[in-house]
Amino acid sequence: MKFDEDCEVIWHDRKRFLGMPLSFTRYYLVKKGNEWIKIFRHKGLLSSLIDEVNLYRCFDLRLHASLVDKIVGTGTILVDSNDSAMPEFSLLHIKNPYKVRDLLSSLIEIERKKRRVGITEFQAPQ
């Protein structure tokens, strides 16, 4: 995938089958200077579908690793965001999911503090 010259790819991986990158779905975590950090999902070979989510819009991360995922060292990260086009963003069967989750979590907190974005949690009265 092509990005501007001043963009830096922080992390990238592919969707994997049994630990092998045999897919045309690719994931990128891209930073542009001090302006933004986004997650991109690029699907397809002949025709492409590219989705992106600003990191500051993400508010929850979940990690799922089945037994097969644990054996081959992969996992799925589910990202919840307040983006109306993509409220749930999945990074399916990626390598080193625990490290990627920690990286995403820390970058989300940095971006949210930088933009002064907060989450308001409501609790139902008991």
N, C-alpha and C. Protein backbone atom coordinates (compact mmCIF):
# COMPACT_ATOMS: atom_id res chain seq x y z
N MET A 1 0.85 -1.17 0.00
CA MET A 1 0.00 0.00 0.00
C MET A 1 0.89 1.23 0.00
N LYS A 2 0.49 2.24 -0.70
CA LYS A 2 1.31 3.45 -0.83
C LYS A 2 0.79 4.53 0.11
N PHE A 3 1.73 5.14 0.83
CA PHE A 3 1.42 6.24 1.73
C PHE A 3 2.29 7.43 1.34
N ASP A 4 1.97 8.61 1.86
CA ASP A 4 2.78 9.79 1.60
C ASP A 4 4.20 9.57 2.08
N GLU A 5 5.12 10.40 1.57
CA GLU A 5 6.52 10.30 1.96
C GLU A 5 6.74 10.57 3.44
N ASP A 6 5.92 11.44 4.02
CA ASP A 6 6.09 11.78 5.43
C ASP A 6 5.33 10.85 6.37
N CYS A 7 4.76 9.76 5.83
CA CYS A 7 4.07 8.77 6.66
C CYS A 7 5.05 7.67 7.07
N GLU A 8 4.87 7.19 8.27
CA GLU A 8 5.72 6.14 8.81
C GLU A 8 4.84 4.94 9.17
N VAL A 9 5.18 3.78 8.64
CA VAL A 9 4.45 2.56 8.97
C VAL A 9 5.04 2.02 10.27
N ILE A 10 4.23 2.06 11.33
CA ILE A 10 4.67 1.63 12.65
C ILE A 10 4.62 0.11 12.76
N TRP A 11 3.58 -0.49 12.17
CA TRP A 11 3.39 -1.93 12.23
C TRP A 11 2.60 -2.37 11.01
N HIS A 12 2.89 -3.56 10.51
CA HIS A 12 2.08 -4.13 9.44
C HIS A 12 2.11 -5.65 9.55
N ASP A 13 1.06 -6.27 9.06
CA ASP A 13 0.96 -7.72 9.07
C ASP A 13 -0.11 -8.13 8.09
N ARG A 14 -0.26 -9.43 7.91
CA ARG A 14 -1.28 -10.01 7.06
C ARG A 14 -2.18 -10.92 7.86
N LYS A 15 -3.37 -11.12 7.37
CA LYS A 15 -4.25 -12.15 7.93
C LYS A 15 -3.58 -13.49 7.63
N ARG A 16 -3.58 -14.38 8.60
CA ARG A 16 -2.86 -15.64 8.46
C ARG A 16 -3.79 -16.84 8.56
N PHE A 17 -3.43 -17.90 7.84
CA PHE A 17 -4.10 -19.19 7.95
C PHE A 17 -3.10 -20.19 8.49
N LEU A 18 -3.40 -20.72 9.69
CA LEU A 18 -2.50 -21.64 10.38
C LEU A 18 -1.10 -21.07 10.53
N GLY A 19 -1.02 -19.78 10.78
CA GLY A 19 0.25 -19.12 11.02
C GLY A 19 0.98 -18.64 9.78
N MET A 20 0.48 -18.99 8.59
CA MET A 20 1.15 -18.61 7.35
C MET A 20 0.39 -17.45 6.68
N PRO A 21 1.12 -16.44 6.19
CA PRO A 21 0.47 -15.26 5.59
C PRO A 21 -0.03 -15.54 4.17
N LEU A 22 -1.08 -16.34 4.06
CA LEU A 22 -1.62 -16.74 2.76
C LEU A 22 -2.93 -16.01 2.48
N SER A 23 -2.92 -14.71 2.56
CA SER A 23 -4.14 -13.94 2.41
C SER A 23 -3.84 -12.63 1.69
N PHE A 24 -4.87 -12.07 1.11
CA PHE A 24 -4.75 -10.76 0.49
C PHE A 24 -5.32 -9.66 1.38
N THR A 25 -5.44 -9.94 2.67
CA THR A 25 -5.85 -8.93 3.64
C THR A 25 -4.62 -8.50 4.42
N ARG A 26 -4.33 -7.21 4.36
CA ARG A 26 -3.15 -6.66 5.03
C ARG A 26 -3.58 -5.56 5.98
N TYR A 27 -2.85 -5.45 7.08
CA TYR A 27 -3.14 -4.45 8.10
C TYR A 27 -1.93 -3.55 8.27
N TYR A 28 -2.18 -2.25 8.47
CA TYR A 28 -1.12 -1.27 8.67
C TYR A 28 -1.49 -0.34 9.82
N LEU A 29 -0.51 0.03 10.60
CA LEU A 29 -0.63 1.08 11.60
C LEU A 29 0.31 2.18 11.14
N VAL A 30 -0.26 3.32 10.74
CA VAL A 30 0.51 4.36 10.06
C VAL A 30 0.43 5.66 10.85
N LYS A 31 1.58 6.34 10.94
CA LYS A 31 1.68 7.63 11.62
C LYS A 31 2.11 8.68 10.61
N LYS A 32 1.43 9.82 10.61
CA LYS A 32 1.83 10.93 9.75
C LYS A 32 2.29 12.07 10.64
N GLY A 33 3.61 12.20 10.78
CA GLY A 33 4.18 13.25 11.61
C GLY A 33 3.57 13.27 12.99
N ASN A 34 3.08 14.43 13.38
CA ASN A 34 2.39 14.57 14.66
C ASN A 34 0.89 14.80 14.44
N GLU A 35 0.42 14.55 13.20
CA GLU A 35 -0.96 14.84 12.86
C GLU A 35 -1.93 13.73 13.26
N TRP A 36 -1.65 12.49 12.85
CA TRP A 36 -2.57 11.41 13.13
C TRP A 36 -1.87 10.05 13.10
N ILE A 37 -2.54 9.08 13.73
CA ILE A 37 -2.16 7.68 13.63
C ILE A 37 -3.44 6.93 13.27
N LYS A 38 -3.37 6.09 12.23
CA LYS A 38 -4.55 5.38 11.76
C LYS A 38 -4.24 3.90 11.57
N ILE A 39 -5.30 3.09 11.67
CA ILE A 39 -5.23 1.67 11.34
C ILE A 39 -5.87 1.52 9.97
N PHE A 40 -5.17 0.85 9.05
CA PHE A 40 -5.70 0.58 7.72
C PHE A 40 -5.88 -0.92 7.54
N ARG A 41 -6.97 -1.29 6.86
CA ARG A 41 -7.17 -2.68 6.46
C ARG A 41 -7.33 -2.66 4.94
N HIS A 42 -6.46 -3.36 4.25
CA HIS A 42 -6.45 -3.41 2.80
C HIS A 42 -6.81 -4.83 2.37
N LYS A 43 -7.97 -5.00 1.73
CA LYS A 43 -8.44 -6.33 1.31
C LYS A 43 -8.49 -6.39 -0.21
N GLY A 44 -8.01 -7.50 -0.76
CA GLY A 44 -8.19 -7.74 -2.18
C GLY A 44 -6.90 -7.77 -2.96
N LEU A 45 -7.01 -8.35 -4.17
CA LEU A 45 -5.87 -8.43 -5.08
C LEU A 45 -6.17 -7.64 -6.35
N LEU A 46 -7.19 -8.06 -7.10
CA LEU A 46 -7.53 -7.35 -8.33
C LEU A 46 -8.36 -6.11 -8.06
N SER A 47 -9.31 -6.21 -7.17
CA SER A 47 -10.02 -5.02 -6.71
C SER A 47 -9.75 -4.90 -5.22
N SER A 48 -9.70 -3.69 -4.74
CA SER A 48 -9.30 -3.47 -3.35
C SER A 48 -10.38 -2.73 -2.57
N LEU A 49 -10.45 -3.07 -1.30
CA LEU A 49 -11.28 -2.35 -0.34
C LEU A 49 -10.36 -1.92 0.78
N ILE A 50 -10.28 -0.62 1.02
CA ILE A 50 -9.38 -0.09 2.05
C ILE A 50 -10.22 0.62 3.09
N ASP A 51 -10.12 0.14 4.33
CA ASP A 51 -10.82 0.75 5.46
C ASP A 51 -9.78 1.40 6.36
N GLU A 52 -10.18 2.47 7.03
CA GLU A 52 -9.27 3.13 7.97
C GLU A 52 -10.06 3.65 9.17
N VAL A 53 -9.38 3.66 10.31
CA VAL A 53 -9.97 4.19 11.54
C VAL A 53 -8.91 5.03 12.22
N ASN A 54 -9.27 6.24 12.62
CA ASN A 54 -8.36 7.08 13.41
C ASN A 54 -8.21 6.45 14.79
N LEU A 55 -7.00 6.41 15.28
CA LEU A 55 -6.73 5.72 16.53
C LEU A 55 -7.41 6.40 17.72
N TYR A 56 -7.56 7.72 17.68
CA TYR A 56 -8.18 8.40 18.82
C TYR A 56 -9.67 8.06 18.94
N ARG A 57 -10.28 7.51 17.89
CA ARG A 57 -11.69 7.12 17.93
C ARG A 57 -11.91 5.76 18.57
N CYS A 58 -10.85 5.00 18.79
CA CYS A 58 -10.96 3.66 19.37
C CYS A 58 -11.09 3.77 20.88
N PHE A 59 -11.96 2.93 21.46
CA PHE A 59 -12.14 3.02 22.91
C PHE A 59 -12.07 1.67 23.61
N ASP A 60 -12.03 0.57 22.87
CA ASP A 60 -11.97 -0.72 23.54
C ASP A 60 -11.24 -1.72 22.66
N LEU A 61 -10.40 -2.55 23.27
CA LEU A 61 -9.67 -3.60 22.57
C LEU A 61 -10.00 -4.94 23.22
N ARG A 62 -10.20 -5.95 22.40
CA ARG A 62 -10.39 -7.31 22.89
C ARG A 62 -9.48 -8.22 22.08
N LEU A 63 -8.97 -9.24 22.73
CA LEU A 63 -8.10 -10.20 22.05
C LEU A 63 -8.72 -11.58 22.16
N HIS A 64 -8.80 -12.26 21.04
CA HIS A 64 -9.34 -13.63 21.02
C HIS A 64 -8.28 -14.54 20.40
N ALA A 65 -7.96 -15.62 21.10
CA ALA A 65 -7.00 -16.60 20.60
C ALA A 65 -7.56 -18.00 20.85
N SER A 66 -7.89 -18.70 19.79
CA SER A 66 -8.38 -20.07 19.91
C SER A 66 -7.19 -20.99 20.20
N LEU A 67 -7.45 -22.25 20.40
CA LEU A 67 -6.37 -23.21 20.65
C LEU A 67 -5.41 -23.27 19.47
N VAL A 68 -5.96 -23.31 18.25
CA VAL A 68 -5.10 -23.33 17.06
C VAL A 68 -4.29 -22.05 16.98
N ASP A 69 -4.91 -20.90 17.27
CA ASP A 69 -4.19 -19.62 17.27
C ASP A 69 -3.02 -19.66 18.25
N LYS A 70 -3.26 -20.20 19.44
CA LYS A 70 -2.20 -20.27 20.45
C LYS A 70 -1.06 -21.17 19.99
N ILE A 71 -1.39 -22.26 19.31
CA ILE A 71 -0.35 -23.19 18.84
C ILE A 71 0.53 -22.54 17.78
N VAL A 72 -0.09 -21.79 16.84
CA VAL A 72 0.69 -21.19 15.75
C VAL A 72 1.14 -19.76 16.04
N GLY A 73 0.78 -19.21 17.21
CA GLY A 73 1.24 -17.88 17.62
C GLY A 73 0.49 -16.72 16.98
N THR A 74 -0.80 -16.92 16.71
CA THR A 74 -1.60 -15.85 16.14
C THR A 74 -2.79 -15.54 17.05
N GLY A 75 -3.57 -14.55 16.69
CA GLY A 75 -4.75 -14.18 17.44
C GLY A 75 -5.51 -13.09 16.71
N THR A 76 -6.70 -12.80 17.19
CA THR A 76 -7.54 -11.77 16.59
C THR A 76 -7.76 -10.65 17.59
N ILE A 77 -7.54 -9.42 17.14
CA ILE A 77 -7.80 -8.25 17.98
C ILE A 77 -9.05 -7.57 17.45
N LEU A 78 -10.02 -7.37 18.34
CA LEU A 78 -11.26 -6.68 18.00
C LEU A 78 -11.20 -5.28 18.58
N VAL A 79 -11.34 -4.30 17.74
CA VAL A 79 -11.23 -2.89 18.14
C VAL A 79 -12.61 -2.26 18.02
N ASP A 80 -13.13 -1.74 19.13
CA ASP A 80 -14.40 -1.00 19.10
C ASP A 80 -14.08 0.48 18.97
N SER A 81 -14.81 1.15 18.08
CA SER A 81 -14.58 2.58 17.88
C SER A 81 -15.92 3.30 17.81
N ASN A 82 -15.87 4.61 17.91
CA ASN A 82 -17.08 5.41 17.76
C ASN A 82 -17.18 5.98 16.35
N ASP A 83 -16.54 5.33 15.40
CA ASP A 83 -16.65 5.67 13.99
C ASP A 83 -17.93 5.05 13.46
N SER A 84 -18.82 5.85 12.89
CA SER A 84 -20.12 5.33 12.46
C SER A 84 -19.99 4.35 11.30
N ALA A 85 -18.98 4.50 10.46
CA ALA A 85 -18.81 3.58 9.33
C ALA A 85 -18.26 2.22 9.78
N MET A 86 -17.44 2.21 10.80
CA MET A 86 -16.84 0.96 11.28
C MET A 86 -16.82 0.92 12.79
N PRO A 87 -17.94 0.59 13.42
CA PRO A 87 -17.95 0.54 14.88
C PRO A 87 -17.12 -0.60 15.46
N GLU A 88 -16.91 -1.68 14.67
CA GLU A 88 -16.03 -2.75 15.12
C GLU A 88 -15.05 -3.07 14.00
N PHE A 89 -13.78 -3.07 14.34
CA PHE A 89 -12.69 -3.24 13.39
C PHE A 89 -11.89 -4.46 13.85
N SER A 90 -11.75 -5.47 13.00
CA SER A 90 -11.08 -6.70 13.41
C SER A 90 -9.75 -6.86 12.70
N LEU A 91 -8.74 -7.20 13.46
CA LEU A 91 -7.43 -7.58 12.92
C LEU A 91 -7.35 -9.09 13.08
N LEU A 92 -7.71 -9.81 12.02
CA LEU A 92 -7.91 -11.25 12.10
C LEU A 92 -6.60 -12.04 11.98
N HIS A 93 -6.39 -12.95 12.90
CA HIS A 93 -5.30 -13.93 12.87
C HIS A 93 -3.95 -13.29 12.55
N ILE A 94 -3.55 -12.35 13.38
CA ILE A 94 -2.26 -11.68 13.19
C ILE A 94 -1.20 -12.32 14.08
N LYS A 95 0.05 -12.13 13.70
CA LYS A 95 1.18 -12.66 14.45
C LYS A 95 1.46 -11.76 15.66
N ASN A 96 1.89 -12.33 16.76
CA ASN A 96 2.21 -11.61 18.00
C ASN A 96 1.06 -10.71 18.47
N PRO A 97 -0.13 -11.26 18.67
CA PRO A 97 -1.29 -10.43 19.00
C PRO A 97 -1.17 -9.71 20.35
N TYR A 98 -0.45 -10.29 21.32
CA TYR A 98 -0.32 -9.65 22.63
C TYR A 98 0.54 -8.39 22.53
N LYS A 99 1.62 -8.45 21.75
CA LYS A 99 2.47 -7.28 21.56
C LYS A 99 1.72 -6.19 20.79
N VAL A 100 0.97 -6.60 19.77
CA VAL A 100 0.21 -5.63 18.97
C VAL A 100 -0.87 -4.97 19.81
N ARG A 101 -1.55 -5.76 20.65
CA ARG A 101 -2.58 -5.19 21.54
C ARG A 101 -1.97 -4.15 22.48
N ASP A 102 -0.81 -4.46 23.06
CA ASP A 102 -0.15 -3.51 23.96
C ASP A 102 0.27 -2.25 23.21
N LEU A 103 0.80 -2.41 21.98
CA LEU A 103 1.18 -1.26 21.16
C LEU A 103 -0.04 -0.40 20.86
N LEU A 104 -1.12 -1.02 20.41
CA LEU A 104 -2.34 -0.26 20.10
C LEU A 104 -2.89 0.44 21.34
N SER A 105 -2.91 -0.26 22.45
CA SER A 105 -3.45 0.32 23.68
C SER A 105 -2.68 1.56 24.10
N SER A 106 -1.36 1.49 24.06
CA SER A 106 -0.57 2.65 24.47
C SER A 106 -0.71 3.80 23.47
N LEU A 107 -0.75 3.50 22.17
CA LEU A 107 -0.90 4.56 21.18
C LEU A 107 -2.29 5.19 21.23
N ILE A 108 -3.32 4.39 21.53
CA ILE A 108 -4.67 4.94 21.67
C ILE A 108 -4.71 5.94 22.82
N GLU A 109 -4.12 5.58 23.94
CA GLU A 109 -4.10 6.49 25.10
C GLU A 109 -3.35 7.78 24.77
N ILE A 110 -2.22 7.68 24.08
CA ILE A 110 -1.45 8.87 23.71
C ILE A 110 -2.27 9.77 22.78
N GLU A 111 -2.91 9.18 21.77
CA GLU A 111 -3.70 9.97 20.83
C GLU A 111 -4.91 10.61 21.51
N ARG A 112 -5.55 9.90 22.40
CA ARG A 112 -6.73 10.44 23.08
C ARG A 112 -6.34 11.60 24.01
N LYS A 113 -5.21 11.48 24.69
CA LYS A 113 -4.73 12.58 25.54
C LYS A 113 -4.33 13.78 24.70
N LYS A 114 -3.67 13.52 23.57
CA LYS A 114 -3.23 14.60 22.69
C LYS A 114 -4.42 15.39 22.16
N ARG A 115 -5.51 14.72 21.86
CA ARG A 115 -6.69 15.37 21.30
C ARG A 115 -7.74 15.72 22.36
N ARG A 116 -7.43 15.42 23.62
CA ARG A 116 -8.33 15.69 24.75
C ARG A 116 -9.70 15.04 24.53
N VAL A 117 -9.65 13.78 24.14
CA VAL A 117 -10.87 13.00 23.93
C VAL A 117 -11.04 12.08 25.12
N GLY A 118 -12.23 12.08 25.68
CA GLY A 118 -12.50 11.22 26.83
C GLY A 118 -13.69 10.32 26.58
N ILE A 119 -13.81 9.32 27.41
CA ILE A 119 -14.93 8.40 27.34
C ILE A 119 -15.80 8.66 28.57
N THR A 120 -17.07 8.83 28.34
CA THR A 120 -18.00 8.98 29.44
C THR A 120 -18.70 7.65 29.63
N GLU A 121 -18.57 7.11 30.81
CA GLU A 121 -19.20 5.83 31.11
C GLU A 121 -20.41 6.08 31.99
N PHE A 122 -21.51 5.49 31.61
CA PHE A 122 -22.74 5.62 32.37
C PHE A 122 -23.04 4.29 33.04
N GLN A 123 -23.54 4.38 34.24
CA GLN A 123 -23.91 3.19 34.95
C GLN A 123 -25.39 3.30 35.29
N ALA A 124 -26.11 2.25 35.01
CA ALA A 124 -27.54 2.27 35.27
C ALA A 124 -27.79 2.30 36.78
N PRO A 125 -28.79 3.07 37.21
CA PRO A 125 -29.09 3.11 38.65
C PRO A 125 -29.57 1.74 39.12
N GLN A 126 -29.17 1.39 40.34
CA GLN A 126 -29.54 0.07 40.86
C GLN A 126 -30.68 0.17 41.82
